Protein backbone atom coordinates (compact mmCIF):
# COMPACT_ATOMS: atom_id res chain seq x y z
CA MET A 1 56.94 -29.69 -47.10
CA THR A 2 60.34 -31.27 -47.47
CA GLU A 3 62.32 -29.26 -44.92
CA LYS A 4 61.90 -29.29 -41.18
CA MET A 5 59.61 -26.54 -39.95
CA ILE A 6 60.65 -23.98 -37.37
CA GLU A 7 60.22 -24.87 -33.72
CA GLY A 8 57.32 -23.82 -31.55
CA LYS A 9 54.57 -24.52 -34.05
CA ARG A 10 50.95 -25.36 -33.43
CA ILE A 11 49.79 -28.16 -35.71
CA ALA A 12 46.14 -29.09 -36.31
CA LEU A 13 45.54 -32.64 -37.54
CA ILE A 14 42.16 -33.29 -39.18
CA PRO A 15 41.11 -36.81 -40.28
CA ALA A 16 38.40 -36.53 -42.94
CA TYR A 17 36.11 -39.05 -44.59
CA GLU A 18 33.43 -37.88 -47.04
CA PRO A 19 33.57 -34.27 -45.73
CA ASP A 20 31.43 -31.39 -46.94
CA GLU A 21 32.29 -27.69 -47.14
CA LYS A 22 32.51 -27.41 -43.36
CA LEU A 23 36.01 -28.91 -43.65
CA ILE A 24 37.12 -25.89 -45.72
CA ARG A 25 35.85 -23.50 -43.02
CA VAL A 26 37.55 -25.48 -40.24
CA ALA A 27 40.90 -25.54 -42.08
CA ALA A 28 40.67 -21.87 -43.05
CA GLU A 29 39.90 -20.65 -39.52
CA LEU A 30 42.72 -22.69 -37.98
CA PHE A 31 45.14 -21.50 -40.68
CA GLN A 32 44.18 -17.91 -39.94
CA GLU A 33 44.90 -18.53 -36.25
CA GLY A 34 48.47 -19.53 -37.12
CA PHE A 35 48.15 -23.33 -37.14
CA GLU A 36 49.95 -25.55 -39.60
CA VAL A 37 47.00 -27.64 -40.81
CA ILE A 38 47.35 -31.29 -41.86
CA VAL A 39 44.30 -32.99 -43.35
CA VAL A 40 44.14 -36.74 -44.05
CA ASN A 41 41.68 -37.76 -46.74
CA ASP A 42 40.76 -41.25 -45.55
CA GLY A 43 39.71 -42.75 -48.89
CA SER A 44 36.80 -40.40 -49.61
CA SER A 45 34.85 -40.70 -52.86
CA ASP A 46 35.45 -38.65 -56.00
CA ALA A 47 32.43 -36.51 -55.06
CA THR A 48 34.58 -34.80 -52.41
CA TRP A 49 37.36 -33.80 -54.84
CA GLU A 50 36.40 -30.12 -54.90
CA VAL A 51 36.22 -29.93 -51.09
CA PHE A 52 39.76 -31.25 -50.74
CA ALA A 53 40.98 -29.09 -53.63
CA ARG A 54 39.75 -25.93 -51.86
CA THR A 55 41.06 -27.17 -48.51
CA ARG A 56 44.57 -27.29 -50.02
CA TYR A 57 44.67 -23.47 -49.95
CA PHE A 58 44.91 -23.73 -46.16
CA ALA A 59 46.28 -27.19 -45.44
CA LYS A 60 48.59 -29.99 -46.47
CA VAL A 61 46.33 -32.83 -47.63
CA LEU A 62 47.50 -36.45 -47.30
CA THR A 63 45.46 -39.18 -48.98
CA HIS A 64 44.61 -42.83 -48.32
CA PRO A 65 43.65 -44.58 -51.59
CA GLU A 66 41.04 -46.55 -49.63
CA ASN A 67 39.13 -45.94 -46.42
CA ARG A 68 41.18 -47.30 -43.53
CA GLY A 69 39.49 -45.74 -40.50
CA LYS A 70 39.91 -42.75 -38.21
CA GLY A 71 42.70 -44.35 -36.20
CA ALA A 72 44.73 -45.09 -39.34
CA ALA A 73 44.16 -41.53 -40.60
CA LEU A 74 45.37 -40.06 -37.31
CA LYS A 75 48.47 -42.28 -37.39
CA THR A 76 49.25 -41.28 -40.98
CA GLY A 77 49.07 -37.64 -39.95
CA LEU A 78 51.15 -38.17 -36.81
CA ALA A 79 53.86 -40.05 -38.74
CA TYR A 80 53.99 -37.22 -41.30
CA ILE A 81 54.24 -34.58 -38.59
CA GLN A 82 57.02 -36.50 -36.88
CA ARG A 83 59.00 -36.61 -40.15
CA GLU A 84 58.42 -33.04 -41.28
CA PHE A 85 58.41 -30.86 -38.18
CA ALA A 86 61.15 -30.07 -35.70
CA LEU A 87 60.40 -30.24 -31.99
CA PRO A 88 59.03 -28.60 -29.97
CA TYR A 89 55.49 -28.30 -31.25
CA THR A 90 51.96 -28.96 -30.05
CA VAL A 91 49.50 -31.15 -31.97
CA VAL A 92 45.74 -30.84 -31.70
CA THR A 93 43.38 -33.29 -33.41
CA VAL A 94 40.16 -31.75 -34.72
CA ASP A 95 37.09 -33.32 -36.33
CA ALA A 96 36.29 -32.33 -39.92
CA ASP A 97 32.56 -31.78 -39.44
CA GLY A 98 32.70 -28.34 -37.81
CA GLN A 99 31.60 -29.49 -34.36
CA HIS A 100 34.74 -28.14 -32.71
CA GLN A 101 34.65 -24.37 -32.39
CA THR A 102 37.91 -22.57 -33.20
CA ALA A 103 37.85 -20.80 -29.83
CA ASP A 104 37.69 -24.20 -28.10
CA VAL A 105 40.53 -25.56 -30.23
CA LEU A 106 42.65 -22.61 -29.11
CA ARG A 107 41.80 -23.16 -25.43
CA VAL A 108 42.65 -26.86 -25.58
CA THR A 109 45.91 -26.13 -27.41
CA GLU A 110 46.90 -23.47 -24.87
CA ALA A 111 46.25 -25.93 -22.05
CA ALA A 112 48.57 -28.46 -23.74
CA GLU A 113 51.26 -25.80 -24.02
CA ASP A 114 51.14 -25.22 -20.28
CA ALA A 115 53.78 -27.67 -19.06
CA ASP A 116 52.55 -27.56 -15.48
CA SER A 117 49.08 -28.75 -16.53
CA GLN A 118 50.15 -31.77 -18.53
CA VAL A 119 53.33 -33.18 -17.02
CA SER A 120 52.98 -35.86 -14.36
CA GLY A 121 55.07 -36.23 -11.25
CA ASN A 122 57.45 -38.58 -13.07
CA GLY A 123 57.97 -36.08 -15.90
CA GLN A 124 55.81 -37.85 -18.48
CA ARG A 125 53.74 -35.85 -20.92
CA GLY A 126 49.98 -36.21 -20.92
CA LEU A 127 46.85 -35.46 -22.91
CA ILE A 128 44.40 -32.56 -22.91
CA LEU A 129 40.81 -33.37 -23.90
CA GLY A 130 38.22 -30.94 -25.15
CA SER A 131 35.30 -32.40 -23.22
CA ARG A 132 31.62 -31.79 -23.84
CA ARG A 133 29.12 -31.57 -20.98
CA PHE A 134 26.31 -33.01 -23.18
CA THR A 135 23.84 -30.32 -22.21
CA GLY A 136 21.07 -28.96 -24.38
CA ASN A 137 19.76 -30.64 -27.53
CA VAL A 138 22.05 -33.68 -27.67
CA PRO A 139 20.96 -36.68 -29.81
CA LEU A 140 19.86 -39.59 -27.61
CA ARG A 141 22.31 -41.97 -29.34
CA SER A 142 25.24 -39.69 -28.50
CA ARG A 143 24.14 -39.05 -24.92
CA PHE A 144 23.54 -42.75 -24.20
CA GLY A 145 26.69 -43.91 -26.02
CA ASN A 146 28.92 -41.53 -24.11
CA SER A 147 27.38 -42.49 -20.77
CA ILE A 148 28.00 -46.20 -21.39
CA THR A 149 31.53 -45.63 -22.68
CA ARG A 150 32.34 -43.41 -19.71
CA LEU A 151 31.25 -46.17 -17.31
CA VAL A 152 33.12 -48.93 -19.16
CA TYR A 153 36.30 -46.83 -19.30
CA ARG A 154 36.12 -46.05 -15.58
CA MET A 155 35.68 -49.76 -14.74
CA SER A 156 38.50 -50.91 -16.98
CA SER A 157 41.11 -48.21 -16.30
CA GLY A 158 40.32 -46.84 -12.86
CA ALA A 159 40.60 -43.33 -14.37
CA LYS A 160 37.77 -40.82 -14.55
CA VAL A 161 37.15 -39.10 -17.90
CA TYR A 162 33.82 -37.43 -18.60
CA ASP A 163 33.98 -37.33 -22.42
CA THR A 164 35.86 -40.41 -23.61
CA GLN A 165 34.73 -40.01 -27.22
CA THR A 166 35.87 -36.47 -27.92
CA GLY A 167 38.02 -36.05 -31.03
CA LEU A 168 39.44 -32.73 -29.81
CA ARG A 169 42.73 -33.71 -28.16
CA ALA A 170 46.00 -31.83 -27.73
CA PHE A 171 49.45 -33.06 -26.76
CA ALA A 172 53.14 -32.28 -27.07
CA GLY A 173 54.97 -33.53 -30.16
CA GLU A 174 57.25 -35.63 -27.95
CA MET A 175 54.32 -38.03 -27.41
CA ILE A 176 53.97 -39.03 -31.07
CA PRO A 177 56.18 -42.17 -30.93
CA GLU A 178 54.12 -43.48 -27.99
CA LEU A 179 50.83 -42.66 -29.73
CA LEU A 180 51.94 -44.40 -32.92
CA SER A 181 52.58 -47.61 -30.96
CA ILE A 182 48.99 -47.83 -29.69
CA PRO A 183 46.91 -50.42 -31.61
CA GLY A 184 43.69 -49.61 -33.43
CA GLU A 185 42.78 -48.50 -36.94
CA ARG A 186 39.26 -47.13 -36.56
CA TYR A 187 37.27 -45.48 -33.77
CA GLU A 188 38.66 -47.87 -31.18
CA TYR A 189 42.06 -46.14 -31.51
CA GLU A 190 40.87 -43.13 -29.51
CA MET A 191 39.63 -45.36 -26.68
CA ASN A 192 42.85 -47.40 -26.77
CA MET A 193 44.75 -44.14 -26.44
CA LEU A 194 42.93 -43.29 -23.21
CA LEU A 195 43.35 -46.83 -21.85
CA THR A 196 47.08 -46.85 -22.62
CA LEU A 197 47.77 -43.43 -21.12
CA ALA A 198 45.81 -44.31 -17.99
CA LYS A 199 47.79 -47.55 -17.69
CA GLU A 200 51.05 -45.59 -18.06
CA LYS A 201 49.87 -43.20 -15.31
CA ARG A 202 50.10 -40.25 -17.69
CA PRO A 203 47.94 -37.22 -16.89
CA ILE A 204 44.66 -36.86 -18.78
CA LYS A 205 43.03 -33.48 -18.20
CA GLU A 206 39.79 -32.07 -19.52
CA VAL A 207 38.93 -28.59 -20.74
CA TRP A 208 35.20 -27.94 -21.05
CA ILE A 209 34.08 -27.03 -24.57
CA GLU A 210 30.79 -26.21 -26.24
CA THR A 211 28.60 -29.18 -27.17
CA VAL A 212 27.73 -28.84 -30.86
CA TYR A 213 25.73 -31.39 -32.85
CA LEU A 214 25.01 -30.20 -36.37
CA GLU A 215 21.92 -31.68 -38.04
CA LYS A 216 21.57 -34.18 -35.16
CA ASN A 217 25.10 -35.45 -35.86
CA ALA A 218 24.06 -36.68 -39.31
CA SER A 219 27.59 -36.18 -40.66
CA SER A 220 29.05 -38.76 -38.28
CA HIS A 221 30.40 -41.92 -39.90
CA PHE A 222 30.34 -43.81 -36.61
CA ASP A 223 28.69 -47.21 -37.09
CA THR A 224 26.84 -47.82 -33.84
CA VAL A 225 27.18 -51.61 -33.98
CA LYS A 226 30.55 -52.21 -35.68
CA ASP A 227 32.49 -49.34 -34.13
CA SER A 228 31.03 -49.85 -30.66
CA ALA A 229 32.11 -53.49 -30.90
CA ARG A 230 35.64 -52.40 -31.77
CA ILE A 231 35.76 -49.94 -28.88
CA TYR A 232 34.55 -52.47 -26.33
CA LYS A 233 36.31 -55.51 -27.83
CA GLU A 234 39.11 -55.79 -25.29
CA ILE A 235 36.76 -55.41 -22.34
CA LEU A 236 34.23 -57.78 -23.91
CA LYS A 237 36.92 -60.43 -24.37
CA PHE A 238 37.90 -60.06 -20.73
CA SER A 239 34.26 -60.30 -19.72
CA GLY A 240 33.83 -63.45 -21.81
CA ALA A 241 36.87 -65.10 -20.25
CA SER A 242 35.63 -64.07 -16.82
CA LEU A 243 32.15 -65.46 -17.54
CA ILE A 244 33.57 -68.83 -18.61
CA SER A 245 35.77 -68.95 -15.51
CA PHE A 246 32.85 -67.91 -13.32
CA LEU A 247 30.68 -70.71 -14.68
CA VAL A 248 33.45 -73.23 -14.00
CA ASP A 249 33.92 -71.76 -10.53
CA TYR A 250 30.20 -71.66 -9.70
CA VAL A 251 29.44 -75.18 -10.88
CA LEU A 252 32.38 -76.63 -8.93
CA TYR A 253 31.45 -74.50 -5.90
CA CYS A 254 27.93 -75.92 -5.90
CA ILE A 255 29.17 -79.51 -6.37
CA LEU A 256 31.87 -79.30 -3.67
CA LEU A 257 29.53 -77.52 -1.25
CA GLY A 258 26.95 -80.27 -1.74
CA ILE A 259 29.53 -83.04 -1.24
CA SER A 260 31.50 -81.62 1.69
CA GLY A 261 29.11 -79.13 3.28
CA THR A 262 32.17 -76.98 3.99
CA LEU A 263 31.98 -73.47 2.47
CA VAL A 264 35.71 -72.66 2.68
CA PHE A 265 36.74 -75.97 1.07
CA ALA A 266 34.18 -75.54 -1.71
CA ASN A 267 35.19 -71.93 -2.42
CA ILE A 268 38.95 -72.60 -2.45
CA GLY A 269 38.70 -75.83 -4.49
CA ALA A 270 36.51 -74.19 -7.12
CA ARG A 271 38.75 -71.14 -7.28
CA ILE A 272 41.94 -73.14 -7.92
CA VAL A 273 40.42 -74.79 -10.99
CA SER A 274 38.66 -71.69 -12.33
CA GLY A 275 41.76 -69.56 -11.68
CA THR A 276 43.84 -71.82 -13.91
CA VAL A 277 41.21 -71.53 -16.65
CA ASN A 278 41.04 -67.74 -16.26
CA TYR A 279 44.81 -67.25 -16.39
CA THR A 280 45.11 -69.30 -19.58
CA LEU A 281 42.26 -67.48 -21.34
CA ASN A 282 43.48 -64.02 -20.34
CA ARG A 283 47.09 -64.67 -21.31
CA LYS A 284 46.28 -66.26 -24.68
CA MET A 285 43.01 -64.67 -25.79
CA VAL A 286 42.46 -61.35 -24.01
CA PHE A 287 45.80 -59.65 -23.46
CA LYS A 288 47.85 -61.80 -25.89
CA SER A 289 50.78 -61.34 -23.57
CA GLN A 290 54.35 -62.31 -24.43
CA THR A 291 55.43 -61.99 -20.81
CA ALA A 292 57.31 -65.04 -19.54
CA VAL A 293 54.87 -67.62 -18.18
CA GLY A 294 56.77 -67.96 -14.90
CA LYS A 295 56.66 -64.25 -14.12
CA SER A 296 53.06 -63.63 -15.17
CA ALA A 297 51.88 -66.87 -13.54
CA LEU A 298 53.49 -65.89 -10.22
CA GLN A 299 51.89 -62.45 -10.37
CA TYR A 300 48.55 -64.00 -11.26
CA ILE A 301 48.79 -66.48 -8.38
CA LEU A 302 49.47 -63.63 -5.94
CA LEU A 303 46.53 -61.67 -7.37
CA ALA A 304 44.30 -64.72 -7.26
CA ALA A 305 45.33 -65.41 -3.67
CA GLY A 306 44.53 -61.85 -2.65
CA ILE A 307 41.17 -61.93 -4.40
CA LEU A 308 40.45 -65.35 -2.92
CA VAL A 309 41.02 -64.03 0.61
CA CYS A 310 38.79 -61.01 -0.05
CA ASN A 311 36.27 -63.23 -1.81
CA THR A 312 36.08 -65.72 1.07
CA LEU A 313 35.88 -63.05 3.78
CA LEU A 314 33.16 -61.15 1.96
CA LEU A 315 31.27 -64.36 1.21
CA GLU A 316 31.34 -65.48 4.84
CA GLY A 317 30.40 -61.99 6.00
CA LEU A 318 27.35 -61.88 3.74
CA ILE A 319 26.22 -65.34 4.80
CA ARG A 320 26.60 -64.46 8.48
CA ILE A 321 24.22 -61.53 8.06
CA GLY A 322 21.66 -63.83 6.47
CA ALA A 323 22.39 -63.77 2.74
CA ASN A 324 21.71 -66.84 0.62
CA ALA A 325 25.01 -68.70 0.01
CA PHE A 326 24.42 -69.04 -3.74
CA LEU A 327 23.28 -65.43 -4.32
CA ALA A 328 26.11 -64.15 -2.13
CA LYS A 329 28.60 -65.96 -4.37
CA ILE A 330 27.29 -64.11 -7.42
CA LEU A 331 27.40 -60.69 -5.71
CA VAL A 332 30.98 -61.17 -4.51
CA GLU A 333 32.18 -62.33 -7.94
CA VAL A 334 30.71 -59.25 -9.62
CA LEU A 335 32.47 -57.02 -7.08
CA MET A 336 35.85 -58.68 -7.68
CA PHE A 337 35.55 -58.47 -11.48
CA SER A 338 36.68 -54.87 -11.97
CA VAL A 339 39.52 -55.20 -9.44
CA SER A 340 40.90 -58.22 -11.28
CA TYR A 341 40.67 -56.56 -14.69
CA VAL A 342 42.48 -53.37 -13.67
CA ILE A 343 45.39 -55.25 -12.07
CA GLN A 344 45.78 -57.75 -14.92
CA HIS A 345 45.59 -55.00 -17.57
CA ALA A 346 47.95 -52.59 -15.82
CA VAL A 347 50.46 -54.97 -14.21
CA ILE A 348 50.40 -58.68 -15.04
CA PHE A 349 49.83 -58.58 -18.80
CA LYS A 350 51.13 -55.06 -19.43
CA ARG A 351 52.72 -54.74 -22.87
CA ASN A 352 56.43 -54.02 -22.87
CA THR A 353 58.35 -51.94 -25.41
CA ALA A 354 59.15 -54.95 -27.60
CA GLU A 355 55.47 -55.88 -27.86
CA LYS A 356 54.55 -52.30 -28.79
CA GLN A 357 57.18 -52.33 -31.56
CA SER A 358 55.73 -55.65 -32.74
CA LEU A 359 52.34 -54.00 -33.06
CA ILE A 360 53.87 -51.28 -35.24
CA ALA A 361 55.58 -53.87 -37.46
CA GLU A 362 52.24 -55.62 -37.93
CA GLY A 363 50.65 -52.45 -39.28
CA GLY A 364 49.61 -50.65 -36.10
CA GLU A 365 51.40 -47.48 -37.14
CA GLY A 366 49.12 -46.99 -40.11
CA ALA A 367 51.49 -44.70 -41.98
């Protein structure tokens, strides 16, 4: 494909690593439904040569010489689509293992084509997810993993998505430049996509699809330990910084309370020191922000002051009703954790356009 395609196309993008013959069926059915099909061979072994050769009857096949990860494969496909197709068009990402039914792919695509369902109040395009209800014979690993990820995503973004791990996603072609700027090369890319769109206040809507797990999801290349760590890395870093700051805060709180006997003095003194530690760790280690220190520091101070007021009032309230002063401190800190994360992620250390372009230059585009 060297010339721009006609407008109004539906394009199916399928990342594939070590696929079997189910990939051929998926590509063929989507081709028959009128989709332009783009498959990205993400460094599969020579044993899959015949599968990709037969898939070429129905799809354009792009190839990574080495395995780079699902996120990189999706970005390679998106960059190709952006070069070769003329707007407008709708893109739908589909897994290669046959777990997305063609009828569901069509429903999700149609929802993305409905402008009223995916454009926010400020005119920004959004994302349609093909979401599974996880009913029936669902492998325990998948059911548990999705439940944990759903909770973590809700805590970190403030947005509610039932199936955060679905690979069936549809969106307007105009969103490709934004999606290419999102960091992540492997499975974490799909989570980063949801976090970024939630932060940008873009609509994320779900269309219920059939839950299909073939052979207990044996075809999945998801590494439970490595890929889960990648998905949760940003939140885990924030949690680590918060834990260090909490320990500093708690130790100083106990010392100052023992010396002065004054709860307010102990709480405020400890918070000033631990807040400085927390700001430094979050700016340098967690969010790696390039925002000017003066601006982000002022915003952080205002946030810290607000949380300090809430923290102190809640702490005093709990103690007045009979709670232990040391246990009450722990409960209040846990409550304030998610509030602090959401505001820092979405406002204080929010990446600007220049930082996003920097991520692309460093290899984030993956194409």
